Amino acid sequence: MTTPKANESEVPGKELHISNVGRLPAAVLRLIQATPKKEWPKIRAYLVGSDEEGQLVDMLPEVNRVMSVCPPKLVGRVRKHEITGDQLDQGYQQLHDAINGVRQALYALLILAGFKDPEKKDTKTPEPAPAAAKSAEDQVRPGKAPAAAPDKLALAGRS
């Protein structure tokens, strides 16, 4: 039985080999070269099919840079009282609102195209019963809460 040599510590097949390097776009090649191999699982690839998708994907490096360099500087400025905590919160809220605005615009386009509302995940909200359908007892005794529907009894008592 032979013992493994010190320089044979790497397991064959574990290292990712990039074939057809010449066929990769320059931006992808730069990203792979600039990223340590242990960080490669964080890389996400997208097939861009429209100009809008391309614009969003092109912003990702900027978002990455801003989110990595700004937080320590922002906290330092708050500690030095150069900006307030409310201004810091407002800046992050503006970013989140913009991201949600893009999502809402996409949903609006889906709805305009005739697709089912993507925000509602098949949740059925109970419709209130019309006043005419209430029993005479419930209408006569206004101080008493109306009786719960039989299918809602399990939820009674929960706040």
C-alpha atoms as a PDB file:
ATOM      1  CA  MET A   1       0.000   0.000   0.000  1.00  0.00           C
ATOM      2  CA  THR A   2       1.373   3.397  -0.971  1.00  0.00           C
ATOM      3  CA  THR A   3       0.766   6.627   0.869  1.00  0.00           C
ATOM      4  CA  PRO A   4      -0.277   9.707  -1.057  1.00  0.00           C
ATOM      5  CA  LYS A   5       2.457  12.173  -1.769  1.00  0.00           C
ATOM      6  CA  ALA A   6       2.213  15.692  -0.363  1.00  0.00           C
ATOM      7  CA  ASN A   7       1.839  17.252  -3.818  1.00  0.00           C
ATOM      8  CA  GLU A   8      -1.014  14.884  -4.739  1.00  0.00           C
ATOM      9  CA  SER A   9      -3.391  16.386  -2.159  1.00  0.00           C
ATOM     10  CA  GLU A  10      -5.795  17.689  -4.817  1.00  0.00           C
ATOM     11  CA  VAL A  11      -8.424  15.219  -5.887  1.00  0.00           C
ATOM     12  CA  PRO A  12      -8.695  14.837  -9.657  1.00  0.00           C
ATOM     13  CA  GLY A  13     -12.014  16.030 -10.989  1.00  0.00           C
ATOM     14  CA  LYS A  14     -12.597  18.467  -8.138  1.00  0.00           C
ATOM     15  CA  GLU A  15     -10.975  21.350  -9.984  1.00  0.00           C
ATOM     16  CA  LEU A  16     -13.195  23.114 -12.487  1.00  0.00           C
ATOM     17  CA  HIS A  17     -11.601  23.344 -15.902  1.00  0.00           C
ATOM     18  CA  ILE A  18     -12.889  25.989 -18.248  1.00  0.00           C
ATOM     19  CA  SER A  19     -13.018  24.637 -21.767  1.00  0.00           C
ATOM     20  CA  ASN A  20     -13.495  26.841 -24.809  1.00  0.00           C
ATOM     21  CA  VAL A  21     -12.196  29.907 -22.969  1.00  0.00           C
ATOM     22  CA  GLY A  22     -12.073  31.784 -26.270  1.00  0.00           C
ATOM     23  CA  ARG A  23     -15.836  31.433 -26.679  1.00  0.00           C
ATOM     24  CA  LEU A  24     -16.674  33.088 -23.359  1.00  0.00           C
ATOM     25  CA  PRO A  25     -17.610  36.772 -23.442  1.00  0.00           C
ATOM     26  CA  ALA A  26     -14.882  39.042 -22.113  1.00  0.00           C
ATOM     27  CA  ALA A  27     -16.998  40.164 -19.149  1.00  0.00           C
ATOM     28  CA  VAL A  28     -17.620  36.566 -18.037  1.00  0.00           C
ATOM     29  CA  LEU A  29     -13.965  35.673 -18.448  1.00  0.00           C
ATOM     30  CA  ARG A  30     -12.903  38.700 -16.364  1.00  0.00           C
ATOM     31  CA  LEU A  31     -15.417  37.761 -13.685  1.00  0.00           C
ATOM     32  CA  ILE A  32     -14.110  34.200 -13.472  1.00  0.00           C
ATOM     33  CA  GLN A  33     -10.494  35.330 -13.426  1.00  0.00           C
ATOM     34  CA  ALA A  34     -11.152  37.951 -10.740  1.00  0.00           C
ATOM     35  CA  THR A  35     -13.103  35.571  -8.508  1.00  0.00           C
ATOM     36  CA  PRO A  36     -11.306  33.084  -6.256  1.00  0.00           C
ATOM     37  CA  LYS A  37     -12.327  29.489  -6.939  1.00  0.00           C
ATOM     38  CA  LYS A  38     -13.870  29.124  -3.498  1.00  0.00           C
ATOM     39  CA  GLU A  39     -16.281  31.964  -4.411  1.00  0.00           C
ATOM     40  CA  TRP A  40     -17.373  30.431  -7.746  1.00  0.00           C
ATOM     41  CA  PRO A  41     -20.532  28.862  -6.272  1.00  0.00           C
ATOM     42  CA  LYS A  42     -21.798  32.414  -5.684  1.00  0.00           C
ATOM     43  CA  ILE A  43     -21.615  33.216  -9.399  1.00  0.00           C
ATOM     44  CA  ARG A  44     -25.030  33.209 -11.070  1.00  0.00           C
ATOM     45  CA  ALA A  45     -25.483  33.135 -14.815  1.00  0.00           C
ATOM     46  CA  TYR A  46     -28.421  34.598 -16.716  1.00  0.00           C
ATOM     47  CA  LEU A  47     -29.400  34.232 -20.330  1.00  0.00           C
ATOM     48  CA  VAL A  48     -30.261  37.777 -21.341  1.00  0.00           C
ATOM     49  CA  GLY A  49     -33.099  37.896 -23.817  1.00  0.00           C
ATOM     50  CA  SER A  50     -34.067  41.562 -23.770  1.00  0.00           C
ATOM     51  CA  ASP A  51     -32.473  44.967 -23.459  1.00  0.00           C
ATOM     52  CA  GLU A  52     -34.159  45.527 -20.085  1.00  0.00           C
ATOM     53  CA  GLU A  53     -32.694  42.315 -18.698  1.00  0.00           C
ATOM     54  CA  GLY A  54     -29.281  43.376 -19.942  1.00  0.00           C
ATOM     55  CA  GLN A  55     -29.601  46.719 -18.172  1.00  0.00           C
ATOM     56  CA  LEU A  56     -30.480  44.992 -14.893  1.00  0.00           C
ATOM     57  CA  VAL A  57     -27.633  42.494 -15.193  1.00  0.00           C
ATOM     58  CA  ASP A  58     -25.199  45.299 -16.033  1.00  0.00           C
ATOM     59  CA  MET A  59     -26.172  47.011 -12.758  1.00  0.00           C
ATOM     60  CA  LEU A  60     -25.287  44.007 -10.601  1.00  0.00           C
ATOM     61  CA  PRO A  61     -21.552  44.805 -10.354  1.00  0.00           C
ATOM     62  CA  GLU A  62     -22.454  48.351  -9.298  1.00  0.00           C
ATOM     63  CA  VAL A  63     -24.864  47.067  -6.645  1.00  0.00           C
ATOM     64  CA  ASN A  64     -22.196  44.633  -5.434  1.00  0.00           C
ATOM     65  CA  ARG A  65     -19.604  47.408  -5.193  1.00  0.00           C
ATOM     66  CA  VAL A  66     -21.932  49.845  -3.440  1.00  0.00           C
ATOM     67  CA  MET A  67     -23.136  47.230  -0.950  1.00  0.00           C
ATOM     68  CA  SER A  68     -19.574  46.236  -0.112  1.00  0.00           C
ATOM     69  CA  VAL A  69     -17.926  49.666   0.235  1.00  0.00           C
ATOM     70  CA  CYS A  70     -20.735  51.920   1.477  1.00  0.00           C
ATOM     71  CA  PRO A  71     -21.971  50.370   4.753  1.00  0.00           C
ATOM     72  CA  PRO A  72     -18.748  50.938   6.735  1.00  0.00           C
ATOM     73  CA  LYS A  73     -18.418  54.490   5.383  1.00  0.00           C
ATOM     74  CA  LEU A  74     -22.067  55.243   6.104  1.00  0.00           C
ATOM     75  CA  VAL A  75     -21.816  53.967   9.672  1.00  0.00           C
ATOM     76  CA  GLY A  76     -18.647  56.047  10.141  1.00  0.00           C
ATOM     77  CA  ARG A  77     -20.433  59.161   8.906  1.00  0.00           C
ATOM     78  CA  VAL A  78     -23.336  58.496  11.282  1.00  0.00           C
ATOM     79  CA  ARG A  79     -20.901  58.099  14.203  1.00  0.00           C
ATOM     80  CA  LYS A  80     -19.192  61.389  13.275  1.00  0.00           C
ATOM     81  CA  HIS A  81     -22.661  63.016  13.102  1.00  0.00           C
ATOM     82  CA  GLU A  82     -22.091  64.011   9.477  1.00  0.00           C
ATOM     83  CA  ILE A  83     -25.371  62.315   8.546  1.00  0.00           C
ATOM     84  CA  THR A  84     -28.260  61.086  10.639  1.00  0.00           C
ATOM     85  CA  GLY A  85     -29.443  57.529  11.093  1.00  0.00           C
ATOM     86  CA  ASP A  86     -32.687  58.564   9.437  1.00  0.00           C
ATOM     87  CA  GLN A  87     -30.781  59.637   6.315  1.00  0.00           C
ATOM     88  CA  LEU A  88     -29.019  56.262   6.276  1.00  0.00           C
ATOM     89  CA  ASP A  89     -32.336  54.434   6.619  1.00  0.00           C
ATOM     90  CA  GLN A  90     -33.873  56.628   3.921  1.00  0.00           C
ATOM     91  CA  GLY A  91     -31.077  55.751   1.490  1.00  0.00           C
ATOM     92  CA  TYR A  92     -31.542  52.009   1.975  1.00  0.00           C
ATOM     93  CA  GLN A  93     -35.319  52.422   1.828  1.00  0.00           C
ATOM     94  CA  GLN A  94     -34.967  54.227  -1.510  1.00  0.00           C
ATOM     95  CA  LEU A  95     -32.947  51.301  -2.894  1.00  0.00           C
ATOM     96  CA  HIS A  96     -35.482  48.747  -1.681  1.00  0.00           C
ATOM     97  CA  ASP A  97     -38.374  50.825  -3.018  1.00  0.00           C
ATOM     98  CA  ALA A  98     -36.712  51.004  -6.432  1.00  0.00           C
ATOM     99  CA  ILE A  99     -36.219  47.227  -6.505  1.00  0.00           C
ATOM    100  CA  ASN A 100     -39.843  46.680  -5.485  1.00  0.00           C
ATOM    101  CA  GLY A 101     -40.905  49.231  -8.111  1.00  0.00           C
ATOM    102  CA  VAL A 102     -39.270  47.138 -10.830  1.00  0.00           C
ATOM    103  CA  ARG A 103     -41.045  44.046  -9.493  1.00  0.00           C
ATOM    104  CA  GLN A 104     -44.399  45.861  -9.451  1.00  0.00           C
ATOM    105  CA  ALA A 105     -43.868  47.103 -13.005  1.00  0.00           C
ATOM    106  CA  LEU A 106     -43.213  43.513 -14.113  1.00  0.00           C
ATOM    107  CA  TYR A 107     -46.405  42.347 -12.391  1.00  0.00           C
ATOM    108  CA  ALA A 108     -48.353  45.166 -14.041  1.00  0.00           C
ATOM    109  CA  LEU A 109     -47.111  44.067 -17.454  1.00  0.00           C
ATOM    110  CA  LEU A 110     -48.100  40.464 -16.715  1.00  0.00           C
ATOM    111  CA  ILE A 111     -51.577  41.565 -15.729  1.00  0.00           C
ATOM    112  CA  LEU A 112     -51.917  43.770 -18.816  1.00  0.00           C
ATOM    113  CA  ALA A 113     -50.923  40.788 -20.935  1.00  0.00           C
ATOM    114  CA  GLY A 114     -53.777  38.810 -19.408  1.00  0.00           C
ATOM    115  CA  PHE A 115     -51.869  36.549 -17.068  1.00  0.00           C
ATOM    116  CA  LYS A 116     -53.132  35.697 -13.607  1.00  0.00           C
ATOM    117  CA  ASP A 117     -52.134  38.107 -10.857  1.00  0.00           C
ATOM    118  CA  PRO A 118     -48.644  36.854  -9.836  1.00  0.00           C
ATOM    119  CA  GLU A 119     -48.758  38.559  -6.426  1.00  0.00           C
ATOM    120  CA  LYS A 120     -51.682  36.406  -5.285  1.00  0.00           C
ATOM    121  CA  LYS A 121     -50.479  32.866  -4.731  1.00  0.00           C
ATOM    122  CA  ASP A 122     -53.913  31.186  -5.053  1.00  0.00           C
ATOM    123  CA  THR A 123     -54.970  32.415  -1.632  1.00  0.00           C
ATOM    124  CA  LYS A 124     -58.698  32.768  -1.374  1.00  0.00           C
ATOM    125  CA  THR A 125     -59.866  35.639   0.781  1.00  0.00           C
ATOM    126  CA  PRO A 126     -63.312  35.044   2.241  1.00  0.00           C
ATOM    127  CA  GLU A 127     -65.908  37.437   0.903  1.00  0.00           C
ATOM    128  CA  PRO A 128     -68.160  39.075   3.487  1.00  0.00           C
ATOM    129  CA  ALA A 129     -71.681  37.709   3.514  1.00  0.00           C
ATOM    130  CA  PRO A 130     -74.316  40.093   2.201  1.00  0.00           C
ATOM    131  CA  ALA A 131     -76.570  41.703   4.844  1.00  0.00           C
ATOM    132  CA  ALA A 132     -79.659  39.937   3.450  1.00  0.00           C
ATOM    133  CA  ALA A 133     -78.080  36.526   4.071  1.00  0.00           C
ATOM    134  CA  LYS A 134     -77.651  37.135   7.817  1.00  0.00           C
ATOM    135  CA  SER A 135     -80.079  35.346  10.036  1.00  0.00           C
ATOM    136  CA  ALA A 136     -82.871  37.292  11.687  1.00  0.00           C
ATOM    137  CA  GLU A 137     -81.365  36.496  15.093  1.00  0.00           C
ATOM    138  CA  ASP A 138     -78.026  38.148  14.175  1.00  0.00           C
ATOM    139  CA  GLN A 139     -79.810  41.232  12.862  1.00  0.00           C
ATOM    140  CA  VAL A 140     -82.040  41.579  15.932  1.00  0.00           C
ATOM    141  CA  ARG A 141     -79.272  41.309  18.543  1.00  0.00           C
ATOM    142  CA  PRO A 142     -76.706  43.971  17.587  1.00  0.00           C
ATOM    143  CA  GLY A 143     -74.639  43.554  20.754  1.00  0.00           C
ATOM    144  CA  LYS A 144     -73.803  39.955  19.975  1.00  0.00           C
ATOM    145  CA  ALA A 145     -71.107  39.024  17.492  1.00  0.00           C
ATOM    146  CA  PRO A 146     -72.424  37.174  14.432  1.00  0.00           C
ATOM    147  CA  ALA A 147     -71.994  33.425  14.403  1.00  0.00           C
ATOM    148  CA  ALA A 148     -68.861  32.164  12.700  1.00  0.00           C
ATOM    149  CA  ALA A 149     -69.117  30.181   9.507  1.00  0.00           C
ATOM    150  CA  PRO A 150     -68.683  26.427  10.076  1.00  0.00           C
ATOM    151  CA  ASP A 151     -65.396  26.325   8.142  1.00  0.00           C
ATOM    152  CA  LYS A 152     -63.982  29.213  10.204  1.00  0.00           C
ATOM    153  CA  LEU A 153     -64.528  27.634  13.619  1.00  0.00           C
ATOM    154  CA  ALA A 154     -60.979  26.381  13.871  1.00  0.00           C
ATOM    155  CA  LEU A 155     -59.705  29.951  13.681  1.00  0.00           C
ATOM    156  CA  ALA A 156     -62.077  31.278  16.323  1.00  0.00           C
ATOM    157  CA  GLY A 157     -60.306  32.318  19.471  1.00  0.00           C
ATOM    158  CA  ARG A 158     -56.990  33.033  17.717  1.00  0.00           C
ATOM    159  CA  SER A 159     -55.945  36.618  17.608  1.00  0.00           C
END
